[in-house]
């Protein structure tokens, strides 16, 4: 159906199935118990304006979220890190919801800010990736830490000479 490519660990695929593999959105779409209205909600992430991609359900009925949005937005987290689902949203703050994306000019709750000191530029994770922001995942002990920098503040060691 959608042909999304995912990293097995990032999407919580604990076992590679024999035969065809379908992402969670496609599995939901193919389930005849789900209504057309339910399927329409699948198109868009609850925290950014982008459609499609690797998404998982949230703890909000009918809402879905990109795995990268859940990873980089501090207030979101995965209830189960083994299968990366559902995304828990209860820590989402009013302050976060008021932020607007520098690139698409929309809000939606999933706007993050550049982590360079004194830079307050905000953007959706996928908007940032599309506009040259750098996304980093660092392992600190057994825990992942997610960092994001706007194009103006991409760390110097990553600039090609």
Protein backbone atom coordinates (compact mmCIF):
# COMPACT_ATOMS: atom_id res chain seq x y z
CA UNK A 1 0.00 0.00 0.00
CA UNK A 2 2.21 2.88 1.20
CA UNK A 3 5.64 1.21 0.72
CA UNK A 4 7.18 3.11 3.65
CA UNK A 5 10.69 1.95 4.57
CA UNK A 6 11.53 1.77 8.26
CA UNK A 7 14.44 0.78 10.46
CA UNK A 8 13.39 -2.38 12.25
CA UNK A 9 14.45 -1.07 15.69
CA UNK A 10 13.08 2.46 15.15
CA UNK A 11 9.62 1.17 14.25
CA UNK A 12 9.45 -1.63 16.80
CA UNK A 13 9.48 -4.54 14.36
CA UNK A 14 10.57 -7.25 16.79
CA UNK A 15 10.34 -10.08 14.27
CA UNK A 16 10.64 -9.94 10.50
CA UNK A 17 7.54 -11.65 9.10
CA UNK A 18 7.58 -14.15 6.28
CA UNK A 19 5.92 -12.75 3.18
CA UNK A 20 4.51 -9.25 2.89
CA UNK A 21 5.06 -6.71 5.68
CA UNK A 22 2.68 -3.80 6.23
CA UNK A 23 3.26 -0.76 8.44
CA UNK A 24 0.78 -0.11 11.25
CA UNK A 25 -1.11 2.48 9.20
CA UNK A 26 -1.59 0.04 6.33
CA UNK A 27 -2.62 -2.72 8.77
CA UNK A 28 -5.21 -0.33 10.22
CA UNK A 29 -6.36 0.69 6.73
CA UNK A 30 -6.78 -2.94 5.65
CA UNK A 31 -8.84 -3.87 8.71
CA UNK A 32 -12.50 -3.99 7.55
CA UNK A 33 -13.68 -3.08 11.08
CA UNK A 34 -12.34 0.47 10.68
CA UNK A 35 -14.61 3.10 9.13
CA UNK A 36 -13.81 5.46 6.27
CA UNK A 37 -13.72 8.30 8.81
CA UNK A 38 -11.17 6.36 10.91
CA UNK A 39 -9.06 5.78 7.81
CA UNK A 40 -9.12 9.48 6.87
CA UNK A 41 -7.51 10.38 10.22
CA UNK A 42 -4.56 8.16 9.33
CA UNK A 43 -3.33 10.53 6.66
CA UNK A 44 -1.92 13.22 8.93
CA UNK A 45 0.30 13.21 11.98
CA UNK A 46 -1.36 14.71 15.08
CA UNK A 47 1.74 16.84 15.72
CA UNK A 48 2.86 18.08 12.30
CA UNK A 49 1.24 18.89 8.93
CA UNK A 50 3.02 16.10 7.01
CA UNK A 51 1.07 13.16 5.63
CA UNK A 52 2.36 9.64 5.23
CA UNK A 53 5.57 8.18 6.56
CA UNK A 54 6.28 5.88 9.47
CA UNK A 55 3.48 6.52 11.95
CA UNK A 56 2.17 4.76 15.02
CA UNK A 57 -1.01 5.25 17.06
CA UNK A 58 -1.10 7.62 20.03
CA UNK A 59 -3.02 7.43 23.27
CA UNK A 60 -5.57 9.84 21.72
CA UNK A 61 -8.36 7.87 20.03
CA UNK A 62 -7.91 7.99 16.27
CA UNK A 63 -4.70 10.07 16.37
CA UNK A 64 -1.42 8.93 14.80
CA UNK A 65 2.11 10.29 15.09
CA UNK A 66 5.34 9.98 13.10
CA UNK A 67 7.94 8.02 15.01
CA UNK A 68 10.43 10.85 14.44
CA UNK A 69 7.99 13.42 15.92
CA UNK A 70 7.57 11.20 18.98
CA UNK A 71 11.33 10.82 19.33
CA UNK A 72 12.33 14.49 19.02
CA UNK A 73 9.44 16.23 20.81
CA UNK A 74 10.40 16.04 24.50
CA UNK A 75 6.82 15.86 25.77
CA UNK A 76 6.01 12.77 23.70
CA UNK A 77 7.23 9.28 24.47
CA UNK A 78 6.56 5.66 23.55
CA UNK A 79 4.60 3.68 26.11
CA UNK A 80 6.46 0.58 24.93
CA UNK A 81 9.97 1.04 23.60
CA UNK A 82 10.06 -2.54 22.34
CA UNK A 83 7.27 -2.02 19.80
CA UNK A 84 7.45 1.82 19.73
CA UNK A 85 3.74 2.25 20.41
CA UNK A 86 1.52 3.92 21.43
CA UNK A 87 2.83 7.46 21.66
CA UNK A 88 1.89 8.95 25.04
CA UNK A 89 0.82 12.59 24.76
CA UNK A 90 -0.23 13.59 28.29
CA UNK A 91 2.92 15.66 28.95
CA UNK A 92 2.23 17.97 25.97
CA UNK A 93 2.31 21.56 27.25
CA UNK A 94 0.35 24.66 26.29
CA UNK A 95 3.69 26.38 25.60
CA UNK A 96 4.66 23.69 23.08
CA UNK A 97 1.25 23.92 21.39
CA UNK A 98 1.67 27.69 20.90
CA UNK A 99 4.96 27.38 18.97
CA UNK A 100 4.86 27.95 15.20
CA UNK A 101 7.12 26.40 12.57
CA UNK A 102 9.65 28.75 11.01
CA UNK A 103 9.32 26.91 7.68
CA UNK A 104 5.61 26.05 7.19
CA UNK A 105 4.24 28.73 9.57
CA UNK A 106 1.86 26.19 11.19
CA UNK A 107 1.62 24.95 14.77
CA UNK A 108 0.26 21.60 15.82
CA UNK A 109 2.12 20.84 19.02
CA UNK A 110 5.09 19.12 17.42
CA UNK A 111 7.29 22.19 16.97
CA UNK A 112 10.78 21.77 18.44
CA UNK A 113 13.44 24.44 18.86
CA UNK A 114 17.06 24.59 17.73
CA UNK A 115 19.26 23.44 20.57
CA UNK A 116 22.00 25.96 19.95
CA UNK A 117 22.11 28.34 22.92
CA UNK A 118 20.27 31.61 22.32
CA UNK A 119 18.50 30.28 19.20
CA UNK A 120 14.77 29.98 19.59
CA UNK A 121 13.90 29.06 16.00
CA UNK A 122 11.12 26.50 16.06
CA UNK A 123 10.13 23.96 13.43
CA UNK A 124 8.42 20.62 12.94
CA UNK A 125 10.88 17.73 12.87
CA UNK A 126 10.04 16.76 9.27
CA UNK A 127 9.94 20.41 8.11
CA UNK A 128 13.37 20.83 9.67
CA UNK A 129 14.74 17.75 7.97
CA UNK A 130 13.37 19.00 4.63
CA UNK A 131 15.11 22.38 5.14
CA UNK A 132 18.58 21.24 6.18
CA UNK A 133 18.25 20.97 9.95
CA UNK A 134 20.40 18.36 11.60
CA UNK A 135 18.78 15.64 13.69
CA UNK A 136 21.01 13.62 15.99
CA UNK A 137 20.40 10.60 18.16
CA UNK A 138 23.02 10.10 20.85
CA UNK A 139 23.22 7.19 23.25
CA UNK A 140 23.84 8.29 26.80
CA UNK A 141 24.25 5.01 28.67
CA UNK A 142 21.24 2.93 27.68
CA UNK A 143 19.05 5.97 26.94
CA UNK A 144 18.77 7.83 23.65
CA UNK A 145 19.04 11.62 23.63
CA UNK A 146 17.67 13.50 20.62
CA UNK A 147 19.22 16.79 19.45
CA UNK A 148 18.14 19.07 16.62
CA UNK A 149 19.84 22.12 15.09
CA UNK A 150 18.54 24.66 12.57
CA UNK A 151 20.58 25.13 9.34
CA UNK A 152 22.24 28.24 10.77
CA UNK A 153 23.58 26.30 13.76
CA UNK A 154 24.53 22.91 12.35
CA UNK A 155 27.61 21.95 14.41
CA UNK A 156 30.87 22.87 12.68
CA UNK A 157 32.23 19.32 12.61
CA UNK A 158 29.49 18.41 10.13
CA UNK A 159 30.18 21.16 7.58
CA UNK A 160 31.93 19.76 4.51
CA UNK A 161 35.12 21.56 3.49
